C-alpha cells in the first residue's frame, strides 16, 4: 500500500528544518556510509550523519508530528520508528533501484527494528529541483512521487524503488522506517481500509450496531494479526 500523508509538517516547521539543514556544515556526509551491500554501488547522495545534534533535534520534531497524525497511525500501525534521517540530492545525484534492508540497528541503543514500512518526507517543493522523482515498483507497475514540502509518502519497505537523477536544484528530504504492529502489507492495507470505512460510517451517523460490530471486527483482526 502506498499512502500519501499530506501536511505532516506545517510551512513554518519545514522552514525551520531547512534553515537548520542549511547550517549543518560538516554534518553532511557521503550517503553511502549507511548503505548496505546492495545499495552502496547505486547510491549517490549526501546525508546528515546520524546521532549528530541537528539530526536528533530535527528527528524529534518529526517524531512528534507523527504521533499527532491519525492518518499515519492508521496506515502504518507503528510499533517502533527508526530515528528520522535527512538526505540531499543535487548535481546529478541519484539512488538506483534497491530494496531497503530488512533489519536496522538504531545507533547507540542495541535495538534492532524490522523495516516493514518506508517513509519519505519531502522538504523541498517540486519547483525547487528537476528530476528527483521517487519511483516505486509493485505488482501494478511503477509509481512516481514528487510531493510538496511537508507531505510524506509511506510504502512497503519490500518494494523495489529508486530516486531518479536530480539535474538541477536540490532535493531535500527526511527518510526513515517503521516496524509495524502488522508486518504483512496485505493485512495492514485491509485494516486501513476497514478503519477508514468505520470512520466514514461514524461521521455519517449510520446504524450504531453495525458500526459497533465493524469496530469489534477491526480490533479482533488487529489482535489476531498483531505482533508487539
N, C-alpha and C. Protein backbone atom coordinates (compact mmCIF):
# COMPACT_ATOMS: atom_id res chain seq x y z
N UNK A 1 0.83 -1.20 0.00
CA UNK A 1 0.00 0.00 0.00
C UNK A 1 0.87 1.25 0.00
N UNK A 2 0.60 2.14 -0.94
CA UNK A 2 1.22 3.46 -0.96
C UNK A 2 0.22 4.44 -0.38
N UNK A 3 0.66 5.26 0.55
CA UNK A 3 -0.25 6.20 1.21
C UNK A 3 0.42 7.56 1.36
N UNK A 4 -0.23 8.58 0.83
CA UNK A 4 0.25 9.96 0.98
C UNK A 4 -0.29 10.54 2.28
N UNK A 5 0.60 11.13 3.06
CA UNK A 5 0.24 11.81 4.30
C UNK A 5 0.42 13.31 4.06
N UNK A 6 -0.64 14.02 3.69
CA UNK A 6 -0.47 15.45 3.37
C UNK A 6 -0.27 16.29 4.62
N UNK A 7 0.53 17.34 4.48
CA UNK A 7 0.70 18.36 5.53
C UNK A 7 1.13 17.75 6.87
N UNK A 8 2.04 16.78 6.82
CA UNK A 8 2.56 16.27 8.09
C UNK A 8 3.25 17.39 8.86
N UNK A 9 3.98 18.24 8.14
CA UNK A 9 4.63 19.40 8.73
C UNK A 9 4.00 20.67 8.19
N UNK A 10 3.95 21.68 9.03
CA UNK A 10 3.46 22.99 8.61
C UNK A 10 4.55 23.71 7.82
N UNK A 11 4.18 24.75 7.06
CA UNK A 11 5.21 25.53 6.36
C UNK A 11 6.28 26.09 7.30
N UNK A 12 5.87 26.52 8.50
CA UNK A 12 6.85 27.03 9.45
C UNK A 12 7.81 25.94 9.92
N UNK A 13 7.30 24.74 10.12
CA UNK A 13 8.17 23.63 10.52
C UNK A 13 9.14 23.26 9.41
N UNK A 14 8.65 23.24 8.17
CA UNK A 14 9.53 22.95 7.04
C UNK A 14 10.62 24.01 6.95
N UNK A 15 10.24 25.27 7.10
CA UNK A 15 11.21 26.37 7.02
C UNK A 15 12.27 26.23 8.12
N UNK A 16 11.84 25.89 9.32
CA UNK A 16 12.78 25.71 10.44
C UNK A 16 13.77 24.59 10.14
N UNK A 17 13.26 23.46 9.66
CA UNK A 17 14.14 22.32 9.34
C UNK A 17 15.12 22.68 8.24
N UNK A 18 14.63 23.34 7.20
CA UNK A 18 15.50 23.71 6.09
C UNK A 18 16.61 24.64 6.55
N UNK A 19 16.29 25.60 7.40
CA UNK A 19 17.30 26.51 7.90
C UNK A 19 18.37 25.76 8.70
N UNK A 20 17.94 24.83 9.53
CA UNK A 20 18.88 24.04 10.32
C UNK A 20 19.77 23.19 9.42
N UNK A 21 19.19 22.59 8.38
CA UNK A 21 19.97 21.75 7.47
C UNK A 21 20.94 22.59 6.65
N UNK A 22 20.52 23.79 6.27
CA UNK A 22 21.41 24.67 5.51
C UNK A 22 22.64 25.07 6.32
N UNK A 23 22.49 25.08 7.65
CA UNK A 23 23.59 25.48 8.53
C UNK A 23 24.37 24.29 9.09
N UNK A 24 24.07 23.08 8.60
CA UNK A 24 24.61 21.86 9.22
C UNK A 24 26.09 21.63 8.91
N UNK A 25 26.61 22.24 7.83
CA UNK A 25 28.04 22.17 7.54
C UNK A 25 28.59 20.76 7.44
N UNK A 26 29.56 20.44 8.31
CA UNK A 26 30.26 19.16 8.24
C UNK A 26 29.40 17.98 8.68
N UNK A 27 28.19 18.23 9.16
CA UNK A 27 27.30 17.11 9.49
C UNK A 27 26.82 16.38 8.24
N UNK A 28 26.94 17.05 7.07
CA UNK A 28 26.60 16.40 5.80
C UNK A 28 27.75 15.47 5.40
N UNK A 29 27.42 14.20 5.16
CA UNK A 29 28.44 13.21 4.79
C UNK A 29 27.97 12.42 3.58
N UNK A 30 28.87 11.63 3.02
CA UNK A 30 28.54 10.76 1.89
C UNK A 30 27.45 9.76 2.32
N UNK A 31 26.36 9.72 1.55
CA UNK A 31 25.25 8.86 1.92
C UNK A 31 25.56 7.38 1.92
N UNK A 32 26.64 7.00 1.28
CA UNK A 32 26.97 5.57 1.21
C UNK A 32 27.39 4.99 2.55
N UNK A 33 27.64 5.85 3.55
CA UNK A 33 28.07 5.33 4.84
C UNK A 33 26.99 4.48 5.51
N UNK A 34 25.72 4.69 5.14
CA UNK A 34 24.64 3.91 5.74
C UNK A 34 24.04 2.91 4.77
N UNK A 35 24.61 2.79 3.58
CA UNK A 35 24.05 1.87 2.58
C UNK A 35 24.55 0.45 2.82
N UNK A 36 23.70 -0.51 2.51
CA UNK A 36 24.10 -1.90 2.61
C UNK A 36 24.85 -2.35 1.37
N UNK A 37 25.14 -3.64 1.30
CA UNK A 37 25.91 -4.20 0.18
C UNK A 37 25.22 -3.95 -1.15
N UNK A 38 23.89 -4.08 -1.17
CA UNK A 38 23.15 -3.88 -2.41
C UNK A 38 23.07 -2.41 -2.80
N UNK A 39 22.86 -1.54 -1.80
CA UNK A 39 22.59 -0.14 -2.10
C UNK A 39 23.81 0.71 -2.39
N UNK A 40 24.96 0.38 -1.77
CA UNK A 40 26.14 1.24 -1.88
C UNK A 40 26.58 1.51 -3.32
N UNK A 41 26.61 0.51 -4.21
CA UNK A 41 27.08 0.80 -5.57
C UNK A 41 26.18 1.74 -6.37
N UNK A 42 24.90 1.88 -5.97
CA UNK A 42 23.96 2.69 -6.76
C UNK A 42 23.52 3.95 -6.02
N UNK A 43 24.13 4.22 -4.87
CA UNK A 43 23.70 5.35 -4.06
C UNK A 43 24.66 6.51 -4.20
N UNK A 44 24.14 7.66 -4.60
CA UNK A 44 24.94 8.88 -4.72
C UNK A 44 24.13 10.03 -4.14
N UNK A 45 24.36 10.36 -2.88
CA UNK A 45 23.69 11.49 -2.26
C UNK A 45 24.47 11.93 -1.02
N UNK A 46 23.98 12.94 -0.36
CA UNK A 46 24.53 13.39 0.91
C UNK A 46 23.52 13.13 2.01
N UNK A 47 24.02 12.86 3.22
CA UNK A 47 23.16 12.62 4.37
C UNK A 47 23.70 13.36 5.58
N UNK A 48 22.79 13.72 6.47
CA UNK A 48 23.21 14.22 7.77
C UNK A 48 23.65 13.02 8.61
N UNK A 49 24.84 13.09 9.18
CA UNK A 49 25.35 11.98 9.98
C UNK A 49 24.40 11.69 11.14
N UNK A 50 24.19 10.40 11.39
CA UNK A 50 23.31 10.01 12.48
C UNK A 50 23.91 10.38 13.83
N UNK A 51 23.03 10.61 14.78
CA UNK A 51 23.42 10.91 16.17
C UNK A 51 24.12 12.25 16.33
N UNK A 52 24.08 13.11 15.32
CA UNK A 52 24.56 14.47 15.49
C UNK A 52 23.46 15.29 16.16
N UNK A 53 23.80 16.38 16.82
CA UNK A 53 22.77 17.18 17.49
C UNK A 53 21.66 17.64 16.54
N UNK A 54 22.02 18.05 15.32
CA UNK A 54 21.00 18.53 14.40
C UNK A 54 20.08 17.39 13.98
N UNK A 55 20.63 16.19 13.77
CA UNK A 55 19.80 15.04 13.40
C UNK A 55 18.82 14.71 14.52
N UNK A 56 19.28 14.73 15.75
CA UNK A 56 18.40 14.40 16.88
C UNK A 56 17.32 15.45 17.07
N UNK A 57 17.70 16.73 16.97
CA UNK A 57 16.73 17.81 17.17
C UNK A 57 15.63 17.75 16.12
N UNK A 58 16.02 17.65 14.85
CA UNK A 58 15.02 17.66 13.78
C UNK A 58 14.25 16.34 13.75
N UNK A 59 14.93 15.25 14.07
CA UNK A 59 14.23 13.96 14.13
C UNK A 59 13.14 13.95 15.19
N UNK A 60 13.42 14.55 16.34
CA UNK A 60 12.42 14.61 17.41
C UNK A 60 11.21 15.43 16.97
N UNK A 61 11.45 16.49 16.21
CA UNK A 61 10.35 17.30 15.71
C UNK A 61 9.44 16.47 14.81
N UNK A 62 10.05 15.66 13.95
CA UNK A 62 9.26 14.83 13.03
C UNK A 62 8.53 13.73 13.79
N UNK A 63 9.20 13.11 14.76
CA UNK A 63 8.55 12.06 15.55
C UNK A 63 7.33 12.60 16.28
N UNK A 64 7.42 13.82 16.79
CA UNK A 64 6.28 14.43 17.47
C UNK A 64 5.12 14.65 16.49
N UNK A 65 5.45 15.06 15.26
CA UNK A 65 4.41 15.25 14.25
C UNK A 65 3.74 13.93 13.89
N UNK A 66 4.52 12.86 13.82
CA UNK A 66 3.96 11.54 13.51
C UNK A 66 2.98 11.10 14.59
N UNK A 67 3.32 11.34 15.84
CA UNK A 67 2.46 10.92 16.95
C UNK A 67 1.12 11.63 16.93
N UNK A 68 1.07 12.81 16.32
CA UNK A 68 -0.17 13.59 16.28
C UNK A 68 -0.99 13.34 15.02
N UNK A 69 -0.50 12.49 14.11
CA UNK A 69 -1.15 12.35 12.81
C UNK A 69 -1.96 11.06 12.73
N UNK A 70 -3.29 11.15 12.77
CA UNK A 70 -4.11 9.93 12.77
C UNK A 70 -4.02 9.13 11.48
N UNK A 71 -3.80 9.80 10.34
CA UNK A 71 -3.70 9.07 9.07
C UNK A 71 -2.45 8.19 9.06
N UNK A 72 -1.34 8.73 9.55
CA UNK A 72 -0.11 7.93 9.64
C UNK A 72 -0.31 6.74 10.56
N UNK A 73 -0.92 6.97 11.71
CA UNK A 73 -1.10 5.88 12.68
C UNK A 73 -2.01 4.80 12.09
N UNK A 74 -3.06 5.20 11.41
CA UNK A 74 -3.98 4.24 10.80
C UNK A 74 -3.32 3.45 9.69
N UNK A 75 -2.50 4.13 8.87
CA UNK A 75 -1.89 3.48 7.72
C UNK A 75 -0.68 2.63 8.05
N UNK A 76 0.12 3.07 9.02
CA UNK A 76 1.36 2.36 9.34
C UNK A 76 1.22 1.44 10.54
N UNK A 77 0.26 1.72 11.43
CA UNK A 77 0.13 0.98 12.69
C UNK A 77 1.50 0.80 13.33
N UNK A 78 2.15 1.92 13.67
CA UNK A 78 3.55 1.85 14.09
C UNK A 78 3.75 1.17 15.43
N UNK A 79 4.79 0.37 15.50
CA UNK A 79 5.26 -0.20 16.75
C UNK A 79 6.52 0.55 17.19
N UNK A 80 7.52 0.61 16.28
CA UNK A 80 8.73 1.39 16.51
C UNK A 80 9.05 2.18 15.25
N UNK A 81 9.61 3.36 15.44
CA UNK A 81 10.01 4.21 14.32
C UNK A 81 11.51 4.46 14.41
N UNK A 82 12.21 4.18 13.33
CA UNK A 82 13.64 4.46 13.26
C UNK A 82 13.84 5.98 13.30
N UNK A 83 14.82 6.49 14.04
CA UNK A 83 15.04 7.94 14.10
C UNK A 83 15.18 8.53 12.70
N UNK A 84 14.37 9.55 12.38
CA UNK A 84 14.41 10.13 11.03
C UNK A 84 15.81 10.60 10.63
N UNK A 85 16.14 10.33 9.37
CA UNK A 85 17.40 10.76 8.78
C UNK A 85 17.09 11.79 7.70
N UNK A 86 18.15 12.41 7.17
CA UNK A 86 17.97 13.51 6.22
C UNK A 86 18.96 13.35 5.07
N UNK A 87 18.46 13.57 3.85
CA UNK A 87 19.35 13.46 2.69
C UNK A 87 19.17 14.63 1.73
N UNK A 88 20.13 14.72 0.82
CA UNK A 88 20.15 15.81 -0.16
C UNK A 88 20.69 15.25 -1.48
N UNK A 89 19.98 15.54 -2.55
CA UNK A 89 20.40 15.16 -3.90
C UNK A 89 20.57 16.43 -4.72
N UNK A 90 21.68 16.54 -5.44
CA UNK A 90 21.92 17.68 -6.32
C UNK A 90 22.99 17.28 -7.34
N UNK A 91 23.12 18.05 -8.41
CA UNK A 91 24.20 17.84 -9.37
C UNK A 91 24.27 16.45 -9.96
N UNK A 92 23.13 15.87 -10.33
CA UNK A 92 23.11 14.55 -10.94
C UNK A 92 23.06 13.39 -9.96
N UNK A 93 23.01 13.67 -8.67
CA UNK A 93 22.94 12.59 -7.69
C UNK A 93 21.66 11.78 -7.85
N UNK A 94 21.74 10.50 -7.51
CA UNK A 94 20.59 9.61 -7.64
C UNK A 94 20.78 8.42 -6.71
N UNK A 95 19.74 7.61 -6.61
CA UNK A 95 19.82 6.35 -5.87
C UNK A 95 19.15 5.31 -6.74
N UNK A 96 19.95 4.40 -7.27
CA UNK A 96 19.43 3.39 -8.19
C UNK A 96 18.50 2.40 -7.52
N UNK A 97 17.94 1.51 -8.31
CA UNK A 97 16.94 0.56 -7.82
C UNK A 97 17.51 -0.31 -6.70
N UNK A 98 16.74 -0.43 -5.63
CA UNK A 98 17.17 -1.21 -4.47
C UNK A 98 15.96 -1.54 -3.61
N UNK A 99 16.14 -2.49 -2.73
CA UNK A 99 15.16 -2.81 -1.70
C UNK A 99 15.81 -2.51 -0.35
N UNK A 100 15.09 -1.83 0.53
CA UNK A 100 15.65 -1.47 1.83
C UNK A 100 15.96 -2.73 2.65
N UNK A 101 17.03 -2.66 3.43
CA UNK A 101 17.40 -3.78 4.29
C UNK A 101 16.29 -4.11 5.27
N UNK A 102 16.14 -5.40 5.58
CA UNK A 102 15.02 -5.85 6.41
C UNK A 102 15.16 -5.48 7.88
N UNK A 103 16.40 -5.37 8.36
CA UNK A 103 16.65 -5.09 9.77
C UNK A 103 17.58 -3.89 9.88
N UNK A 104 17.23 -2.96 10.77
CA UNK A 104 18.08 -1.80 11.02
C UNK A 104 18.40 -1.74 12.51
N UNK A 105 19.66 -1.46 12.81
CA UNK A 105 20.10 -1.27 14.19
C UNK A 105 20.07 0.22 14.50
N UNK A 106 19.31 0.60 15.52
CA UNK A 106 19.26 2.00 15.92
C UNK A 106 20.58 2.35 16.60
N UNK A 107 21.36 3.28 16.05
CA UNK A 107 22.70 3.56 16.57
C UNK A 107 22.70 3.91 18.05
N UNK A 108 23.65 3.31 18.76
CA UNK A 108 23.84 3.64 20.16
C UNK A 108 22.85 3.03 21.12
N UNK A 109 21.95 2.18 20.63
CA UNK A 109 20.92 1.62 21.51
C UNK A 109 20.97 0.10 21.61
N UNK A 110 21.52 -0.57 20.62
CA UNK A 110 21.46 -2.02 20.57
C UNK A 110 20.11 -2.56 20.15
N UNK A 111 19.18 -1.65 19.82
CA UNK A 111 17.82 -2.05 19.43
C UNK A 111 17.76 -2.27 17.92
N UNK A 112 17.23 -3.42 17.53
CA UNK A 112 17.03 -3.71 16.12
C UNK A 112 15.54 -3.62 15.79
N UNK A 113 15.22 -3.03 14.64
CA UNK A 113 13.83 -2.99 14.21
C UNK A 113 13.70 -3.65 12.84
N UNK A 114 12.54 -4.24 12.62
CA UNK A 114 12.22 -4.80 11.31
C UNK A 114 11.61 -3.69 10.46
N UNK A 115 12.11 -3.50 9.27
CA UNK A 115 11.63 -2.40 8.42
C UNK A 115 10.46 -2.88 7.57
N UNK A 116 9.25 -2.69 8.10
CA UNK A 116 8.04 -3.07 7.37
C UNK A 116 7.60 -1.99 6.41
N UNK A 117 7.72 -0.74 6.82
CA UNK A 117 7.22 0.41 6.06
C UNK A 117 8.35 1.42 5.89
N UNK A 118 8.52 1.92 4.68
CA UNK A 118 9.47 3.00 4.40
C UNK A 118 8.71 4.32 4.30
N UNK A 119 9.36 5.40 4.70
CA UNK A 119 8.73 6.72 4.65
C UNK A 119 9.69 7.74 4.06
N UNK A 120 9.17 8.57 3.16
CA UNK A 120 9.91 9.71 2.62
C UNK A 120 9.10 10.96 2.88
N UNK A 121 9.68 11.88 3.63
CA UNK A 121 9.06 13.17 3.94
C UNK A 121 9.76 14.23 3.11
N UNK A 122 9.04 14.83 2.19
CA UNK A 122 9.63 15.81 1.28
C UNK A 122 9.80 17.15 1.99
N UNK A 123 10.99 17.74 1.84
CA UNK A 123 11.30 19.03 2.45
C UNK A 123 11.60 20.10 1.41
N UNK A 124 11.58 19.72 0.13
CA UNK A 124 11.72 20.67 -0.98
C UNK A 124 10.45 20.62 -1.81
N UNK A 125 9.98 21.76 -2.25
CA UNK A 125 8.83 21.79 -3.16
C UNK A 125 9.25 21.32 -4.55
N UNK A 126 8.33 20.76 -5.33
CA UNK A 126 8.69 20.24 -6.66
C UNK A 126 9.34 21.25 -7.59
N UNK A 127 8.98 22.53 -7.45
CA UNK A 127 9.55 23.53 -8.36
C UNK A 127 10.96 23.97 -7.95
N UNK A 128 11.50 23.39 -6.88
CA UNK A 128 12.86 23.74 -6.44
C UNK A 128 13.92 22.88 -7.12
N UNK A 129 13.52 21.82 -7.82
CA UNK A 129 14.51 20.94 -8.44
C UNK A 129 13.89 20.22 -9.62
N UNK A 130 14.76 19.79 -10.53
CA UNK A 130 14.35 18.98 -11.68
C UNK A 130 14.79 17.54 -11.46
N UNK A 131 13.96 16.60 -11.86
CA UNK A 131 14.25 15.19 -11.60
C UNK A 131 13.93 14.85 -10.17
N UNK A 132 14.62 13.84 -9.63
CA UNK A 132 14.47 13.50 -8.23
C UNK A 132 13.18 12.80 -7.85
N UNK A 133 12.46 12.26 -8.83
CA UNK A 133 11.22 11.56 -8.51
C UNK A 133 11.52 10.27 -7.73
N UNK A 134 10.71 9.98 -6.74
CA UNK A 134 10.76 8.70 -6.05
C UNK A 134 9.94 7.71 -6.87
N UNK A 135 10.57 6.67 -7.37
CA UNK A 135 9.93 5.69 -8.24
C UNK A 135 9.80 4.38 -7.48
N UNK A 136 8.57 3.92 -7.31
CA UNK A 136 8.29 2.72 -6.52
C UNK A 136 7.60 1.69 -7.40
N UNK A 137 8.12 0.48 -7.41
CA UNK A 137 7.56 -0.59 -8.23
C UNK A 137 6.75 -1.55 -7.36
N UNK A 138 5.58 -1.94 -7.87
CA UNK A 138 4.81 -3.00 -7.23
C UNK A 138 4.15 -3.85 -8.31
N UNK A 139 3.22 -4.70 -7.93
CA UNK A 139 2.61 -5.60 -8.91
C UNK A 139 1.75 -4.87 -9.92
N UNK A 140 1.43 -3.61 -9.65
CA UNK A 140 0.58 -2.84 -10.56
C UNK A 140 1.37 -1.90 -11.46
N UNK A 141 2.70 -1.90 -11.33
CA UNK A 141 3.52 -1.05 -12.19
C UNK A 141 4.46 -0.18 -11.39
N UNK A 142 4.87 0.94 -12.01
CA UNK A 142 5.81 1.87 -11.39
C UNK A 142 5.06 3.15 -11.03
N UNK A 143 5.22 3.59 -9.79
CA UNK A 143 4.54 4.79 -9.31
C UNK A 143 5.59 5.87 -9.05
N UNK A 144 5.30 7.09 -9.49
CA UNK A 144 6.22 8.22 -9.35
C UNK A 144 5.67 9.20 -8.32
N UNK A 145 6.53 9.66 -7.42
CA UNK A 145 6.10 10.60 -6.38
C UNK A 145 7.08 11.76 -6.30
N UNK A 146 6.51 12.96 -6.28
CA UNK A 146 7.28 14.19 -6.11
C UNK A 146 6.35 15.16 -5.41
N UNK A 147 6.32 15.10 -4.10
CA UNK A 147 5.29 15.76 -3.31
C UNK A 147 5.73 17.15 -2.85
N UNK A 148 4.75 17.89 -2.35
CA UNK A 148 5.02 19.22 -1.80
C UNK A 148 5.80 19.10 -0.50
N UNK A 149 6.55 20.12 -0.18
CA UNK A 149 7.30 20.15 1.08
C UNK A 149 6.32 20.04 2.25
N UNK A 150 6.63 19.13 3.17
CA UNK A 150 5.75 18.88 4.31
C UNK A 150 4.87 17.67 4.13
N UNK A 151 4.75 17.16 2.90
CA UNK A 151 3.97 15.95 2.63
C UNK A 151 4.88 14.72 2.72
N UNK A 152 4.28 13.59 3.08
CA UNK A 152 5.05 12.36 3.25
C UNK A 152 4.38 11.22 2.50
N UNK A 153 5.19 10.29 2.03
CA UNK A 153 4.70 9.07 1.39
C UNK A 153 5.21 7.88 2.18
N UNK A 154 4.30 6.94 2.50
CA UNK A 154 4.73 5.68 3.10
C UNK A 154 4.39 4.55 2.14
N UNK A 155 5.25 3.52 2.14
CA UNK A 155 5.10 2.42 1.19
C UNK A 155 5.82 1.20 1.75
N UNK A 156 5.50 0.00 1.26
CA UNK A 156 6.14 -1.20 1.81
C UNK A 156 7.65 -1.16 1.63
N UNK A 157 8.37 -1.46 2.69
CA UNK A 157 9.84 -1.45 2.60
C UNK A 157 10.35 -2.56 1.70
N UNK A 158 9.51 -3.52 1.38
CA UNK A 158 9.90 -4.61 0.48
C UNK A 158 9.87 -4.20 -0.98
N UNK A 159 9.40 -2.98 -1.27
CA UNK A 159 9.26 -2.51 -2.65
C UNK A 159 10.62 -2.20 -3.28
N UNK A 160 10.77 -2.55 -4.55
CA UNK A 160 11.91 -2.07 -5.33
C UNK A 160 11.66 -0.60 -5.65
N UNK A 161 12.61 0.26 -5.32
CA UNK A 161 12.39 1.69 -5.54
C UNK A 161 13.71 2.38 -5.85
N UNK A 162 13.61 3.62 -6.34
CA UNK A 162 14.79 4.39 -6.71
C UNK A 162 14.46 5.88 -6.66
N UNK A 163 15.50 6.70 -6.65
CA UNK A 163 15.36 8.15 -6.79
C UNK A 163 16.05 8.53 -8.09
N UNK A 164 15.30 9.13 -9.01
CA UNK A 164 15.86 9.48 -10.32
C UNK A 164 16.85 10.64 -10.17
N UNK A 165 17.78 10.80 -11.13
CA UNK A 165 18.80 11.84 -11.01
C UNK A 165 18.21 13.25 -10.87
N UNK A 166 18.80 14.02 -9.98
CA UNK A 166 18.43 15.44 -9.83
C UNK A 166 19.32 16.24 -10.76
N UNK A 167 18.72 16.84 -11.78
CA UNK A 167 19.50 17.52 -12.82
C UNK A 167 19.71 19.00 -12.54
N UNK A 168 18.89 19.59 -11.68
CA UNK A 168 19.11 20.98 -11.25
C UNK A 168 18.42 21.19 -9.92
N UNK A 169 18.91 22.18 -9.17
CA UNK A 169 18.37 22.44 -7.85
C UNK A 169 18.79 21.37 -6.85
N UNK A 170 18.08 21.31 -5.74
CA UNK A 170 18.40 20.35 -4.68
C UNK A 170 17.12 19.74 -4.14
N UNK A 171 17.15 18.44 -4.01
CA UNK A 171 16.02 17.68 -3.42
C UNK A 171 16.41 17.30 -2.00
N UNK A 172 15.71 17.85 -1.03
CA UNK A 172 16.00 17.61 0.38
C UNK A 172 14.81 16.88 0.99
N UNK A 173 15.10 15.86 1.77
CA UNK A 173 14.03 15.04 2.34
C UNK A 173 14.49 14.41 3.64
N UNK A 174 13.51 13.94 4.40
CA UNK A 174 13.78 13.06 5.53
C UNK A 174 13.29 11.67 5.16
N UNK A 175 13.95 10.66 5.68
CA UNK A 175 13.53 9.29 5.39
C UNK A 175 13.75 8.44 6.63
N UNK A 176 12.93 7.43 6.77
CA UNK A 176 13.04 6.55 7.93
C UNK A 176 12.17 5.32 7.70
N UNK A 177 12.18 4.42 8.67
CA UNK A 177 11.45 3.17 8.54
C UNK A 177 10.60 2.95 9.78
N UNK A 178 9.57 2.13 9.59
CA UNK A 178 8.64 1.81 10.67
C UNK A 178 8.53 0.31 10.82
N UNK A 179 8.68 -0.17 12.05
CA UNK A 179 8.27 -1.55 12.35
C UNK A 179 6.82 -1.48 12.76
N UNK A 180 5.97 -2.11 11.98
CA UNK A 180 4.54 -2.04 12.20
C UNK A 180 4.08 -3.13 13.16
N UNK A 181 2.95 -2.90 13.81
CA UNK A 181 2.30 -3.96 14.57
C UNK A 181 1.85 -5.09 13.66
N UNK A 182 1.64 -4.77 12.37
CA UNK A 182 1.21 -5.73 11.36
C UNK A 182 2.29 -5.79 10.29
N UNK A 183 3.09 -6.85 10.27
CA UNK A 183 4.22 -6.88 9.33
C UNK A 183 3.80 -7.18 7.90
N UNK A 184 2.64 -7.83 7.70
CA UNK A 184 2.19 -8.17 6.35
C UNK A 184 1.49 -6.98 5.71
N UNK A 185 1.95 -6.56 4.54
CA UNK A 185 1.39 -5.37 3.91
C UNK A 185 -0.07 -5.57 3.51
N UNK A 186 -0.44 -6.77 3.05
CA UNK A 186 -1.82 -7.02 2.67
C UNK A 186 -2.76 -6.91 3.86
N UNK A 187 -2.37 -7.45 4.99
CA UNK A 187 -3.19 -7.34 6.19
C UNK A 187 -3.27 -5.90 6.68
N UNK A 188 -2.14 -5.21 6.62
CA UNK A 188 -2.11 -3.81 7.05
C UNK A 188 -3.00 -2.95 6.17
N UNK A 189 -2.99 -3.20 4.86
CA UNK A 189 -3.83 -2.46 3.93
C UNK A 189 -5.31 -2.73 4.19
N UNK A 190 -5.64 -3.99 4.49
CA UNK A 190 -7.03 -4.34 4.77
C UNK A 190 -7.52 -3.64 6.03
N UNK A 191 -6.69 -3.60 7.06
CA UNK A 191 -7.07 -2.92 8.30
C UNK A 191 -7.23 -1.42 8.07
N UNK A 192 -6.38 -0.85 7.24
CA UNK A 192 -6.51 0.58 6.94
C UNK A 192 -7.84 0.86 6.23
N UNK A 193 -8.19 0.03 5.25
CA UNK A 193 -9.46 0.22 4.55
C UNK A 193 -10.64 0.07 5.51
N UNK A 194 -10.56 -0.90 6.40
CA UNK A 194 -11.64 -1.11 7.37
C UNK A 194 -11.75 0.06 8.33
N UNK A 195 -10.62 0.55 8.81
CA UNK A 195 -10.62 1.69 9.72
C UNK A 195 -11.19 2.93 9.03
N UNK A 196 -10.80 3.15 7.77
CA UNK A 196 -11.32 4.29 7.02
C UNK A 196 -12.83 4.20 6.85
N UNK A 197 -13.33 3.00 6.54
CA UNK A 197 -14.77 2.81 6.37
C UNK A 197 -15.52 3.06 7.68
N UNK A 198 -14.96 2.59 8.79
CA UNK A 198 -15.59 2.80 10.09
C UNK A 198 -15.66 4.29 10.41
N UNK A 199 -14.58 5.02 10.14
CA UNK A 199 -14.58 6.45 10.42
C UNK A 199 -15.63 7.18 9.59
N UNK A 200 -15.80 6.77 8.33
CA UNK A 200 -16.81 7.40 7.48
C UNK A 200 -18.22 7.09 7.98
N UNK A 201 -18.44 5.85 8.41
CA UNK A 201 -19.74 5.49 8.96
C UNK A 201 -20.02 6.26 10.24
N UNK A 202 -19.01 6.42 11.08
CA UNK A 202 -19.19 7.21 12.30
C UNK A 202 -19.56 8.65 11.99
N UNK A 203 -18.92 9.21 10.97
CA UNK A 203 -19.20 10.60 10.60
C UNK A 203 -20.60 10.76 10.02
N UNK A 204 -21.12 9.71 9.39
CA UNK A 204 -22.44 9.80 8.76
C UNK A 204 -23.57 9.47 9.71
N UNK A 205 -23.23 8.97 10.90
CA UNK A 205 -24.26 8.60 11.86
C UNK A 205 -25.02 7.35 11.46
N UNK A 206 -24.37 6.45 10.75
CA UNK A 206 -25.01 5.22 10.29
C UNK A 206 -25.36 4.33 11.47
N UNK A 207 -26.02 3.21 11.16
CA UNK A 207 -26.52 2.28 12.17
C UNK A 207 -25.48 1.99 13.25
N UNK A 208 -25.83 2.27 14.50
CA UNK A 208 -24.86 2.17 15.59
C UNK A 208 -24.42 0.73 15.84
N UNK A 209 -25.34 -0.21 15.75
CA UNK A 209 -24.99 -1.61 15.99
C UNK A 209 -24.01 -2.10 14.93
N UNK A 210 -24.27 -1.73 13.67
CA UNK A 210 -23.36 -2.14 12.59
C UNK A 210 -21.97 -1.54 12.80
N UNK A 211 -21.93 -0.28 13.22
CA UNK A 211 -20.63 0.36 13.46
C UNK A 211 -19.89 -0.32 14.61
N UNK A 212 -20.62 -0.67 15.65
CA UNK A 212 -20.01 -1.35 16.79
C UNK A 212 -19.45 -2.71 16.38
N UNK A 213 -20.21 -3.44 15.57
CA UNK A 213 -19.75 -4.75 15.13
C UNK A 213 -18.51 -4.64 14.25
N UNK A 214 -18.51 -3.66 13.34
CA UNK A 214 -17.34 -3.48 12.47
C UNK A 214 -16.11 -3.07 13.29
N UNK A 215 -16.32 -2.22 14.27
CA UNK A 215 -15.21 -1.81 15.13
C UNK A 215 -14.66 -3.01 15.89
N UNK A 216 -15.55 -3.88 16.34
CA UNK A 216 -15.11 -5.10 17.01
C UNK A 216 -14.30 -5.99 16.08
N UNK A 217 -14.76 -6.11 14.83
CA UNK A 217 -14.00 -6.90 13.84
C UNK A 217 -12.61 -6.33 13.63
N UNK A 218 -12.52 -5.00 13.54
CA UNK A 218 -11.22 -4.35 13.34
C UNK A 218 -10.26 -4.72 14.47
N UNK A 219 -10.72 -4.55 15.70
CA UNK A 219 -9.82 -4.79 16.83
C UNK A 219 -9.50 -6.28 16.99
N UNK A 220 -10.44 -7.14 16.65
CA UNK A 220 -10.15 -8.57 16.75
C UNK A 220 -9.16 -9.01 15.68
N UNK A 221 -9.24 -8.42 14.49
CA UNK A 221 -8.24 -8.71 13.46
C UNK A 221 -6.87 -8.17 13.87
N UNK A 222 -6.86 -6.98 14.45
CA UNK A 222 -5.60 -6.41 14.93
C UNK A 222 -5.00 -7.30 16.02
N UNK A 223 -5.87 -7.82 16.88
CA UNK A 223 -5.41 -8.72 17.94
C UNK A 223 -4.89 -10.03 17.36
N UNK A 224 -5.57 -10.53 16.31
CA UNK A 224 -5.19 -11.80 15.69
C UNK A 224 -3.87 -11.69 14.94
N UNK A 225 -3.70 -10.59 14.20
CA UNK A 225 -2.54 -10.44 13.32
C UNK A 225 -1.38 -9.69 13.95
N UNK A 226 -1.68 -8.91 14.98
CA UNK A 226 -0.66 -8.00 15.52
C UNK A 226 0.44 -8.72 16.28
N UNK A 227 1.63 -8.15 16.19
CA UNK A 227 2.79 -8.67 16.92
C UNK A 227 3.51 -7.50 17.55
N UNK A 228 3.40 -7.33 18.89
CA UNK A 228 4.04 -6.18 19.54
C UNK A 228 5.56 -6.28 19.51
